[in-house]
N, C-alpha and C. Protein backbone atom coordinates (compact mmCIF):
# COMPACT_ATOMS: atom_id res chain seq x y z
N MET A 1 -46.58 80.82 135.35
CA MET A 1 -44.78 80.85 134.25
C MET A 1 -44.95 79.59 133.28
N GLN A 2 -44.41 80.57 132.19
CA GLN A 2 -44.29 79.65 131.43
C GLN A 2 -42.83 79.24 131.03
N VAL A 3 -42.06 78.16 131.09
CA VAL A 3 -41.00 77.88 130.86
C VAL A 3 -40.78 77.31 129.32
N LEU A 4 -39.53 77.51 128.60
CA LEU A 4 -39.45 77.96 127.12
C LEU A 4 -38.78 76.29 127.23
N ASN A 5 -38.55 75.67 126.25
CA ASN A 5 -37.46 74.31 125.66
C ASN A 5 -36.62 75.33 125.38
N PRO A 6 -35.33 74.88 125.81
CA PRO A 6 -34.33 76.00 125.56
C PRO A 6 -33.87 75.22 123.83
N ALA A 7 -34.03 73.93 123.46
CA ALA A 7 -33.90 73.81 121.72
C ALA A 7 -34.92 74.26 121.28
N ALA A 8 -35.68 74.66 121.20
CA ALA A 8 -37.12 75.50 120.69
C ALA A 8 -36.86 76.77 120.75
N VAL A 9 -35.63 77.69 121.48
CA VAL A 9 -35.74 78.80 121.58
C VAL A 9 -34.15 79.17 120.82
N ALA A 10 -33.47 77.66 120.60
CA ALA A 10 -32.12 78.12 119.90
C ALA A 10 -32.55 77.96 118.70
N ALA A 11 -33.77 76.57 118.27
CA ALA A 11 -33.99 76.83 116.84
C ALA A 11 -34.83 77.97 116.19
N VAL A 12 -35.85 78.76 117.25
CA VAL A 12 -36.20 80.27 117.01
C VAL A 12 -34.72 80.83 116.70
N GLU A 13 -33.98 81.32 117.18
CA GLU A 13 -33.17 82.01 117.11
C GLU A 13 -32.36 81.87 115.94
N GLU A 14 -31.96 80.45 115.60
CA GLU A 14 -31.03 80.21 114.41
C GLU A 14 -31.94 80.25 112.61
N ILE A 15 -32.99 80.14 113.22
CA ILE A 15 -34.18 80.83 111.82
C ILE A 15 -34.55 82.25 111.54
N THR A 16 -34.41 82.88 112.97
CA THR A 16 -34.68 84.38 112.46
C THR A 16 -33.24 85.40 112.54
N ALA A 17 -32.08 84.23 112.78
CA ALA A 17 -30.56 84.77 111.75
C ALA A 17 -30.51 84.67 110.43
N ALA A 18 -31.41 83.31 109.90
CA ALA A 18 -31.10 83.13 108.60
C ALA A 18 -31.98 84.10 107.98
N VAL A 19 -33.05 83.87 108.69
CA VAL A 19 -34.10 85.02 107.55
C VAL A 19 -33.61 87.18 108.38
N LEU A 20 -33.08 86.63 108.94
CA LEU A 20 -32.16 88.15 108.92
C LEU A 20 -31.24 89.02 108.19
N ALA A 21 -30.36 87.43 107.95
CA ALA A 21 -28.98 87.12 106.92
C ALA A 21 -29.40 87.02 105.51
N ALA A 22 -30.29 86.69 105.41
CA ALA A 22 -31.25 86.76 103.56
C ALA A 22 -32.33 88.11 103.14
N VAL A 23 -32.17 88.52 104.87
CA VAL A 23 -33.02 90.01 104.09
C VAL A 23 -32.15 91.09 104.08
N ARG A 24 -31.20 91.55 104.93
CA ARG A 24 -29.67 91.54 104.84
C ARG A 24 -29.01 91.18 102.83
N LYS A 25 -29.19 90.43 103.13
CA LYS A 25 -28.17 90.10 101.29
C LYS A 25 -29.33 90.64 100.15
N GLU A 26 -30.82 91.10 100.25
CA GLU A 26 -31.37 91.54 99.53
C GLU A 26 -31.51 92.71 99.50
N MET A 27 -31.68 93.57 100.71
CA MET A 27 -31.92 94.95 100.82
C MET A 27 -30.82 95.67 100.04
N PRO A 28 -31.54 96.72 99.75
CA PRO A 28 -30.49 97.42 98.86
C PRO A 28 -29.33 97.94 99.53
N ARG A 29 -28.04 98.35 99.09
CA ARG A 29 -26.90 98.98 99.96
C ARG A 29 -26.53 100.52 98.53
N PRO A 30 -26.16 101.65 99.46
CA PRO A 30 -25.75 102.74 98.44
C PRO A 30 -24.63 101.91 97.88
N ALA A 31 -24.72 102.61 96.49
CA ALA A 31 -23.22 102.40 95.63
C ALA A 31 -22.53 102.88 95.66
N SER A 32 -20.96 102.37 95.21
CA SER A 32 -20.14 102.81 95.65
C SER A 32 -19.21 103.54 93.73
N ALA A 33 -20.05 103.18 93.28
CA ALA A 33 -19.38 103.88 92.00
C ALA A 33 -19.97 105.14 91.22
N VAL A 34 -19.73 106.19 90.39
CA VAL A 34 -20.21 107.50 90.50
C VAL A 34 -20.60 107.22 88.99
N PRO A 35 -21.91 108.00 89.23
CA PRO A 35 -22.65 107.90 87.91
C PRO A 35 -22.42 108.03 86.96
N ARG A 36 -22.57 107.02 86.20
CA ARG A 36 -22.12 107.63 84.41
C ARG A 36 -23.13 108.57 83.64
N PRO A 37 -22.34 109.42 82.80
CA PRO A 37 -22.84 110.24 82.32
C PRO A 37 -24.16 109.65 81.75
N GLU A 38 -25.27 110.72 81.10
CA GLU A 38 -26.01 110.63 80.13
C GLU A 38 -25.43 109.81 79.23
N ARG A 39 -26.34 109.60 78.24
CA ARG A 39 -26.39 108.53 76.27
C ARG A 39 -27.20 108.65 75.86
N THR A 40 -27.53 108.21 74.74
CA THR A 40 -28.35 107.96 73.54
C THR A 40 -28.70 106.37 74.14
N GLY A 41 -29.51 106.07 74.52
CA GLY A 41 -29.89 104.82 74.77
C GLY A 41 -29.61 104.02 76.09
N ALA A 42 -29.86 105.38 77.00
CA ALA A 42 -29.23 104.61 78.35
C ALA A 42 -30.48 103.40 79.13
N ALA A 43 -29.68 102.65 80.08
CA ALA A 43 -30.24 101.60 80.49
C ALA A 43 -30.67 101.79 81.47
N ILE A 44 -31.25 101.13 82.42
CA ILE A 44 -31.65 101.56 84.12
C ILE A 44 -30.82 100.95 84.96
N GLY A 45 -29.94 100.58 84.45
CA GLY A 45 -28.60 99.94 85.06
C GLY A 45 -28.43 98.28 85.82
N GLU A 46 -27.39 97.72 86.24
CA GLU A 46 -27.22 96.13 85.87
C GLU A 46 -27.47 96.38 87.80
N GLU A 47 -27.50 96.88 88.45
CA GLU A 47 -27.45 96.93 90.04
C GLU A 47 -28.39 96.81 90.84
N PRO A 48 -29.51 96.11 90.85
CA PRO A 48 -30.66 96.15 91.19
C PRO A 48 -31.09 96.51 92.77
N ASN A 49 -30.24 95.84 93.52
CA ASN A 49 -30.03 96.47 94.75
C ASN A 49 -28.97 97.50 95.32
N GLN A 50 -28.21 98.45 94.32
CA GLN A 50 -27.95 99.08 94.91
C GLN A 50 -28.87 100.73 94.75
N TYR A 51 -28.56 101.95 95.58
CA TYR A 51 -29.71 102.95 95.11
C TYR A 51 -28.00 104.02 95.21
N ALA A 52 -28.46 105.14 94.90
CA ALA A 52 -27.43 106.48 94.67
C ALA A 52 -27.41 106.85 96.05
N TRP A 53 -26.85 107.32 96.92
CA TRP A 53 -27.27 108.49 97.85
C TRP A 53 -27.36 109.48 97.33
N GLY A 54 -28.03 110.34 98.69
CA GLY A 54 -28.59 111.43 98.35
C GLY A 54 -27.96 112.69 97.67
N ASP A 55 -26.75 112.76 97.79
CA ASP A 55 -25.88 113.58 97.70
C ASP A 55 -25.12 113.45 96.27
N HIS A 56 -25.06 112.70 95.70
CA HIS A 56 -24.88 111.91 94.59
C HIS A 56 -24.90 113.17 93.21
N GLN A 57 -23.47 112.72 92.69
CA GLN A 57 -23.26 113.76 91.46
C GLN A 57 -23.18 113.19 90.04
N HIS A 58 -23.79 113.49 88.93
CA HIS A 58 -23.80 112.96 87.78
C HIS A 58 -22.79 114.02 87.30
N PRO A 59 -21.83 113.29 86.30
CA PRO A 59 -20.52 113.73 85.43
C PRO A 59 -21.36 114.85 84.66
N ARG A 60 -20.57 116.16 84.65
CA ARG A 60 -20.93 117.57 83.80
C ARG A 60 -20.69 117.23 82.42
N LEU A 61 -21.93 117.51 81.58
CA LEU A 61 -21.77 117.03 80.69
C LEU A 61 -21.45 118.44 80.14
N THR A 62 -21.93 119.77 79.94
CA THR A 62 -21.48 120.67 79.71
C THR A 62 -20.25 121.89 80.12
N SER A 63 -20.29 122.45 79.20
CA SER A 63 -19.30 124.00 80.15
C SER A 63 -19.48 124.93 79.61
N VAL A 64 -20.04 125.66 80.14
CA VAL A 64 -20.40 127.39 80.08
C VAL A 64 -19.66 128.27 80.21
N THR A 65 -19.14 129.27 79.76
CA THR A 65 -18.53 130.06 79.97
C THR A 65 -18.80 131.94 79.24
N ALA A 66 -18.39 132.91 79.61
CA ALA A 66 -18.89 133.87 79.30
C ALA A 66 -18.13 135.06 79.62
N GLY A 67 -17.73 135.52 79.00
CA GLY A 67 -17.33 137.02 79.77
C GLY A 67 -17.19 138.14 80.53
N THR A 68 -16.71 138.14 81.54
CA THR A 68 -17.30 139.21 82.74
C THR A 68 -16.89 140.41 82.82
N ALA A 69 -17.16 141.46 83.12
CA ALA A 69 -16.58 142.79 82.91
C ALA A 69 -15.36 142.86 84.19
N ALA A 70 -15.54 141.72 85.14
CA ALA A 70 -13.83 141.61 85.86
C ALA A 70 -12.84 141.10 84.84
N VAL A 71 -13.19 140.31 83.45
CA VAL A 71 -12.46 139.75 82.47
C VAL A 71 -12.42 140.67 81.68
N PRO A 72 -12.45 141.79 81.19
CA PRO A 72 -13.29 142.67 79.64
C PRO A 72 -12.73 141.79 78.26
N GLY A 73 -11.62 141.23 78.01
CA GLY A 73 -11.18 140.82 77.31
C GLY A 73 -11.35 139.06 76.92
N SER A 74 -11.75 138.60 78.12
CA SER A 74 -12.09 137.30 77.58
C SER A 74 -12.54 136.35 76.71
N HIS A 75 -13.82 137.44 76.54
CA HIS A 75 -14.68 136.10 75.34
C HIS A 75 -15.20 137.29 74.91
N THR A 76 -14.03 138.48 74.04
CA THR A 76 -14.35 139.27 73.02
C THR A 76 -13.64 138.95 72.07
N ILE A 77 -14.69 139.58 70.77
CA ILE A 77 -13.57 138.91 69.53
C ILE A 77 -12.74 140.29 68.89
N LYS A 78 -11.63 139.66 68.60
CA LYS A 78 -10.27 140.92 68.21
C LYS A 78 -10.52 141.40 67.26
N SER A 79 -9.38 142.43 66.84
CA SER A 79 -9.51 143.37 65.86
C SER A 79 -9.22 141.94 64.18
N ASP A 80 -8.41 141.00 64.21
CA ASP A 80 -8.20 139.79 63.74
C ASP A 80 -9.70 139.34 63.36
N GLY A 81 -10.56 139.33 64.25
CA GLY A 81 -12.19 138.21 64.09
C GLY A 81 -11.97 137.62 64.74
N LEU A 82 -10.72 137.33 65.36
CA LEU A 82 -10.71 135.87 66.20
C LEU A 82 -10.80 136.11 68.08
N SER A 83 -11.37 135.28 68.61
CA SER A 83 -11.11 135.90 70.11
C SER A 83 -10.13 134.67 70.78
N PRO A 84 -9.57 135.12 71.85
CA PRO A 84 -8.74 134.49 72.23
C PRO A 84 -8.92 132.96 72.94
N PRO A 85 -8.00 132.47 73.16
CA PRO A 85 -8.60 131.20 73.64
C PRO A 85 -9.43 130.87 75.07
N ILE A 86 -10.53 130.15 74.45
CA ILE A 86 -11.56 130.22 75.30
C ILE A 86 -11.23 128.60 76.50
N ILE A 87 -10.68 128.09 77.17
CA ILE A 87 -10.75 126.92 78.11
C ILE A 87 -11.79 126.49 78.92
N PHE A 88 -12.11 125.24 78.47
CA PHE A 88 -13.71 125.08 79.15
C PHE A 88 -13.39 124.57 80.32
N THR A 89 -14.27 124.22 80.85
CA THR A 89 -15.04 124.32 82.88
C THR A 89 -14.35 122.54 82.46
N ARG A 90 -14.24 121.75 81.74
CA ARG A 90 -14.19 120.23 81.11
C ARG A 90 -12.99 120.03 79.95
N LEU A 91 -12.95 118.64 80.36
CA LEU A 91 -12.36 118.29 79.24
C LEU A 91 -13.25 117.41 78.36
N PHE A 92 -13.09 117.03 77.05
CA PHE A 92 -14.14 116.76 76.79
C PHE A 92 -13.07 115.19 75.61
N THR A 93 -13.61 113.87 75.55
CA THR A 93 -12.78 113.02 74.99
C THR A 93 -13.45 113.21 73.52
N SER A 94 -14.18 113.91 72.71
CA SER A 94 -14.56 113.61 71.46
C SER A 94 -14.83 115.27 71.41
N GLU A 95 -14.83 115.50 70.17
CA GLU A 95 -15.22 116.92 69.26
C GLU A 95 -16.63 117.18 70.46
N PRO A 96 -16.82 118.56 71.14
CA PRO A 96 -18.18 118.65 71.33
C PRO A 96 -18.67 119.67 70.26
N GLY A 97 -20.36 119.80 70.42
CA GLY A 97 -20.90 121.09 70.02
C GLY A 97 -20.87 122.32 70.97
N VAL A 98 -20.36 123.20 70.03
CA VAL A 98 -20.24 124.65 70.54
C VAL A 98 -21.29 125.61 70.18
N ASP A 99 -22.13 126.20 70.87
CA ASP A 99 -22.89 127.17 70.70
C ASP A 99 -22.36 128.39 71.47
N ILE A 100 -22.47 129.51 69.93
CA ILE A 100 -22.08 130.83 70.94
C ILE A 100 -23.14 131.91 70.79
N MET A 101 -23.01 132.51 71.66
CA MET A 101 -24.49 133.39 72.03
C MET A 101 -23.87 134.78 72.03
N PRO A 102 -24.10 135.95 71.02
CA PRO A 102 -23.66 137.20 71.33
C PRO A 102 -24.68 137.93 72.70
N ILE A 103 -23.64 138.67 73.54
CA ILE A 103 -24.18 139.53 74.08
C ILE A 103 -24.45 140.87 74.04
N LYS A 104 -25.44 141.15 73.77
CA LYS A 104 -25.71 142.79 73.44
C LYS A 104 -25.35 143.44 72.63
N PRO A 105 -25.70 142.55 71.14
CA PRO A 105 -24.48 142.96 69.88
C PRO A 105 -25.53 143.96 69.40
N SER A 106 -24.40 144.98 68.51
CA SER A 106 -24.92 146.06 68.23
C SER A 106 -26.10 146.15 67.44
N ALA A 107 -26.94 147.28 67.34
CA ALA A 107 -28.03 147.06 66.22
C ALA A 107 -27.65 147.17 65.19
N SER A 108 -26.73 148.20 64.58
CA SER A 108 -26.50 148.42 63.27
C SER A 108 -25.13 147.15 63.11
N ASP A 109 -25.34 146.03 63.45
CA ASP A 109 -23.91 145.29 62.83
C ASP A 109 -24.83 143.96 62.78
N ILE A 110 -24.68 143.80 61.82
CA ILE A 110 -24.81 142.16 60.94
C ILE A 110 -23.96 141.43 60.92
N LEU A 111 -24.21 140.50 61.83
CA LEU A 111 -22.95 139.19 62.56
C LEU A 111 -23.63 138.17 61.41
N LEU A 112 -22.61 138.15 60.66
CA LEU A 112 -22.15 136.20 60.30
C LEU A 112 -22.55 135.36 61.18
N PRO A 113 -22.70 133.88 60.87
CA PRO A 113 -22.81 132.80 61.94
C PRO A 113 -21.52 132.74 62.31
N PRO A 114 -20.95 132.55 63.81
CA PRO A 114 -19.52 132.24 64.29
C PRO A 114 -19.33 130.66 64.23
N TYR A 115 -18.16 130.36 63.96
CA TYR A 115 -17.62 129.34 63.41
C TYR A 115 -16.09 128.97 64.11
N VAL A 116 -15.75 127.93 65.39
CA VAL A 116 -14.67 127.11 65.75
C VAL A 116 -13.63 127.52 64.59
N ALA A 117 -12.90 128.29 65.01
CA ALA A 117 -11.46 128.09 63.83
C ALA A 117 -10.71 127.73 64.57
N GLU A 118 -10.33 127.01 65.80
CA GLU A 118 -8.86 126.50 65.96
C GLU A 118 -9.40 125.39 67.64
N TRP A 119 -9.59 124.19 67.73
CA TRP A 119 -9.80 123.57 68.99
C TRP A 119 -8.00 124.04 69.73
N VAL A 120 -8.53 124.14 70.97
CA VAL A 120 -7.69 124.48 72.22
C VAL A 120 -7.98 122.77 72.83
N MET A 121 -6.49 121.96 72.73
CA MET A 121 -6.18 120.49 73.23
C MET A 121 -5.49 120.65 74.90
N GLY A 122 -5.39 119.62 74.87
CA GLY A 122 -5.20 119.29 76.47
C GLY A 122 -3.68 119.01 76.38
N THR A 123 -3.24 118.93 77.66
CA THR A 123 -1.53 118.53 77.68
C THR A 123 -1.36 117.69 78.15
N GLY A 124 0.54 117.34 78.29
CA GLY A 124 0.10 116.14 79.42
C GLY A 124 -0.52 114.82 78.50
N ALA A 125 -1.19 113.83 79.22
CA ALA A 125 -1.95 112.39 80.03
C ALA A 125 -2.82 112.79 78.58
N ASP A 126 -3.04 114.48 78.79
CA ASP A 126 -4.69 114.99 78.63
C ASP A 126 -4.36 115.57 76.62
N ALA A 127 -3.39 115.29 76.54
CA ALA A 127 -3.27 115.98 75.00
C ALA A 127 -4.52 115.77 73.72
N ASP A 128 -4.99 114.55 73.89
CA ASP A 128 -5.87 113.82 73.29
C ASP A 128 -7.66 114.53 73.29
N LYS A 129 -6.97 115.16 74.57
CA LYS A 129 -8.91 115.94 75.42
C LYS A 129 -9.07 117.39 74.29
N PHE A 130 -9.94 117.49 74.22
CA PHE A 130 -10.45 119.28 73.74
C PHE A 130 -10.91 119.78 75.02
N ALA A 131 -9.76 120.76 75.40
CA ALA A 131 -9.63 121.63 75.99
C ALA A 131 -10.02 123.06 76.19
N GLY A 132 -10.63 123.09 74.81
CA GLY A 132 -10.56 124.87 74.56
C GLY A 132 -11.11 125.11 72.87
N VAL A 133 -11.53 126.96 72.74
CA VAL A 133 -11.52 126.59 71.33
C VAL A 133 -11.45 128.33 70.97
N VAL A 134 -11.11 128.55 69.92
CA VAL A 134 -11.11 129.85 69.45
C VAL A 134 -11.96 130.01 68.59
N ILE A 135 -12.92 130.93 68.77
CA ILE A 135 -13.71 131.49 67.89
C ILE A 135 -13.38 132.71 66.66
N GLY A 136 -13.73 131.99 65.69
CA GLY A 136 -14.06 133.20 64.39
C GLY A 136 -15.29 133.92 64.10
N TRP A 137 -14.94 135.07 63.83
CA TRP A 137 -16.75 136.03 64.17
C TRP A 137 -16.11 137.06 62.81
N ARG A 138 -17.33 136.85 61.46
CA ARG A 138 -17.60 138.06 60.86
C ARG A 138 -18.70 139.07 60.66
N LYS A 139 -18.63 139.93 60.38
CA LYS A 139 -19.91 140.47 59.66
C LYS A 139 -20.13 141.55 58.85
N LEU A 140 -21.04 142.06 58.23
CA LEU A 140 -21.19 142.30 57.26
C LEU A 140 -20.79 144.23 57.43
N GLN A 141 -20.08 144.46 56.07
CA GLN A 141 -20.15 146.23 56.43
C GLN A 141 -20.58 146.72 55.35
N MET A 142 -21.71 147.27 55.36
CA MET A 142 -22.51 148.32 54.31
C MET A 142 -21.46 149.24 53.73
N THR A 143 -21.45 149.69 52.76
CA THR A 143 -20.65 150.72 52.07
C THR A 143 -21.85 151.90 52.48
N THR A 144 -21.06 152.96 52.89
CA THR A 144 -22.14 154.42 53.05
C THR A 144 -22.57 154.94 51.09
N THR A 145 -23.80 154.64 51.14
CA THR A 145 -23.64 155.37 50.03
C THR A 145 -25.60 156.16 50.19
N THR A 146 -25.90 157.22 49.72
CA THR A 146 -26.90 157.46 50.25
C THR A 146 -27.97 157.27 48.68
N ALA A 147 -27.30 157.35 47.27
CA ALA A 147 -28.10 157.41 46.29
C ALA A 147 -28.59 155.71 45.99
N THR A 148 -29.86 155.53 45.81
CA THR A 148 -30.35 154.51 45.14
C THR A 148 -29.88 153.53 44.39
N VAL A 149 -29.62 152.51 44.52
CA VAL A 149 -28.85 151.30 43.99
C VAL A 149 -30.18 151.24 42.68
N LEU A 150 -29.92 151.89 41.58
CA LEU A 150 -30.90 151.40 39.95
C LEU A 150 -30.00 150.49 39.12
N ASN A 151 -28.56 150.10 39.55
CA ASN A 151 -28.40 149.60 38.42
C ASN A 151 -27.10 148.13 38.64
N VAL A 152 -26.88 147.20 38.03
CA VAL A 152 -26.15 146.20 38.74
C VAL A 152 -24.45 146.79 38.55
N THR A 153 -24.28 147.46 37.96
CA THR A 153 -22.62 148.26 37.93
C THR A 153 -22.37 148.83 39.39
N LEU A 154 -23.42 149.85 39.88
CA LEU A 154 -23.64 150.60 41.22
C LEU A 154 -23.84 149.97 42.26
N LEU A 155 -24.81 148.95 42.17
CA LEU A 155 -24.76 147.44 43.15
C LEU A 155 -23.80 146.99 43.79
N ALA A 156 -23.18 146.56 42.39
CA ALA A 156 -21.79 145.56 43.01
C ALA A 156 -20.55 146.60 43.24
N SER A 157 -20.58 147.64 43.13
CA SER A 157 -19.43 148.69 44.22
C SER A 157 -20.00 148.84 45.08
N ASN A 158 -21.55 149.27 45.67
CA ASN A 158 -21.56 148.99 46.52
C ASN A 158 -21.97 148.06 47.86
N ALA A 159 -21.70 146.60 47.07
CA ALA A 159 -21.90 146.02 48.18
C ALA A 159 -21.44 145.66 49.33
N PRO A 160 -22.32 144.90 50.19
CA PRO A 160 -21.89 144.74 51.20
C PRO A 160 -20.06 143.63 51.69
N THR A 161 -19.23 144.14 52.71
CA THR A 161 -17.79 143.23 52.53
C THR A 161 -18.38 142.35 53.67
N GLN A 162 -16.95 141.58 53.67
CA GLN A 162 -17.44 140.98 55.37
C GLN A 162 -15.82 141.64 55.87
N VAL A 163 -16.29 141.96 57.16
CA VAL A 163 -15.22 142.28 57.80
C VAL A 163 -15.35 141.78 59.49
N PRO A 164 -13.97 141.51 60.26
CA PRO A 164 -13.69 140.99 61.67
C PRO A 164 -15.22 141.34 62.44
N ALA A 165 -15.60 140.87 63.12
CA ALA A 165 -16.35 141.32 63.99
C ALA A 165 -16.01 141.67 65.38
N ALA A 166 -15.09 142.36 65.18
CA ALA A 166 -14.46 143.08 66.60
C ALA A 166 -15.27 143.96 67.42
N GLY A 167 -15.11 143.65 68.96
CA GLY A 167 -15.51 144.03 70.02
C GLY A 167 -16.90 143.43 70.45
N VAL A 168 -17.15 142.24 69.28
CA VAL A 168 -18.49 141.30 69.78
C VAL A 168 -18.06 140.36 70.88
N ARG A 169 -18.93 140.81 72.01
CA ARG A 169 -18.59 139.75 73.29
C ARG A 169 -19.84 138.67 73.31
N PHE A 170 -19.22 137.65 73.51
CA PHE A 170 -20.15 136.29 73.43
C PHE A 170 -20.00 135.75 74.76
N SER A 171 -21.11 134.26 75.23
CA SER A 171 -21.24 133.58 75.60
C SER A 171 -20.87 132.27 74.60
N CYS A 172 -20.25 130.97 75.72
CA CYS A 172 -19.93 130.12 74.90
C CYS A 172 -20.30 128.60 75.49
N ILE A 173 -21.19 127.74 75.19
CA ILE A 173 -21.77 126.63 75.43
C ILE A 173 -20.98 125.56 75.05
N ALA A 174 -20.14 124.40 75.78
CA ALA A 174 -19.70 123.49 74.44
C ALA A 174 -20.61 122.16 75.70
N VAL A 175 -20.56 121.23 74.71
CA VAL A 175 -21.66 120.08 75.17
C VAL A 175 -21.28 119.02 74.78
N ALA A 176 -20.93 118.06 75.39
CA ALA A 176 -20.24 116.71 75.58
C ALA A 176 -21.02 115.89 74.16
N ARG A 177 -21.06 114.48 73.38
CA ARG A 177 -21.66 113.89 72.47
C ARG A 177 -22.63 112.94 73.15
N SER A 178 -24.08 112.78 73.22
CA SER A 178 -24.94 112.10 73.80
C SER A 178 -24.88 110.68 73.42
N ASP A 179 -24.07 110.64 72.21
CA ASP A 179 -23.89 109.04 71.43
C ASP A 179 -22.73 108.79 72.17
N MET A 180 -21.66 108.71 72.78
CA MET A 180 -20.90 108.33 73.45
C MET A 180 -20.73 108.31 74.67
N SER A 181 -20.08 107.38 75.62
CA SER A 181 -20.55 107.70 77.17
C SER A 181 -19.03 108.68 77.71
């Protein structure tokens, strides 16, 4: 049987405790902050000893909305050429980029590009944030004529006119600027 020197055992235990403490200090830990949103010129981060948990979520940068059969008038251009206010699924701190896509437009419609007619701003403490949008949309309406246009006078009197694109259904995507945090 081997007898161990108590002083040697104490020294080994002290060294082991010091090594374990040093390893624990350098061992990565779960991060305690919410991940930052993406941005142009992103960096690797400043906390090399932290990692994200498997179920973490990055902040949403987009807001996607669409009209549905359950809410038939929500994303449809009205007779005045404007949509009802469309409220985003999140607030934006700066003017977002907005993309509008028609849903099954009529083949006979000659749609002009949609435009932002008005921003819907937040309320209370969020009054300076962009909460939604009103979309304006027009289309060309051709006059009904069967004659072949051969002269300038006839062409001018039969030129297409711009009218509200009433009834056009659409989806709306809003995206945060990538050059801002």
